[in-house]
């Protein structure tokens, strides 16, 4: 469950977990395209499920699509907006 951990740190940790990289050992940046991190479409789906379980929110609803997310930074921003309570966010649970 989400605590005071910054969203960027959560996203980085979960990407590394999906890619089976030791935490902090990845070399990708927030500006990198999601697929450039090594994620494939199945891994991206797994990542989104893990992020939803960790944060308790699903930022992809009527107003925002995962197809709009290009970079790691875009993904971080989507979850930050969701956690800030943006009206387009669908809360889980």
Foldseek 3Di string as FASTA:
>chain_A
DDDPDQLLQVLQVLLCVLVVHPRPPFDDDQAAFPVVSVDDPVSVVVSQVVSCVHLQWRLDDDPHHVVVGTGNNSVSVSSVCQNVPPPSIDGHD
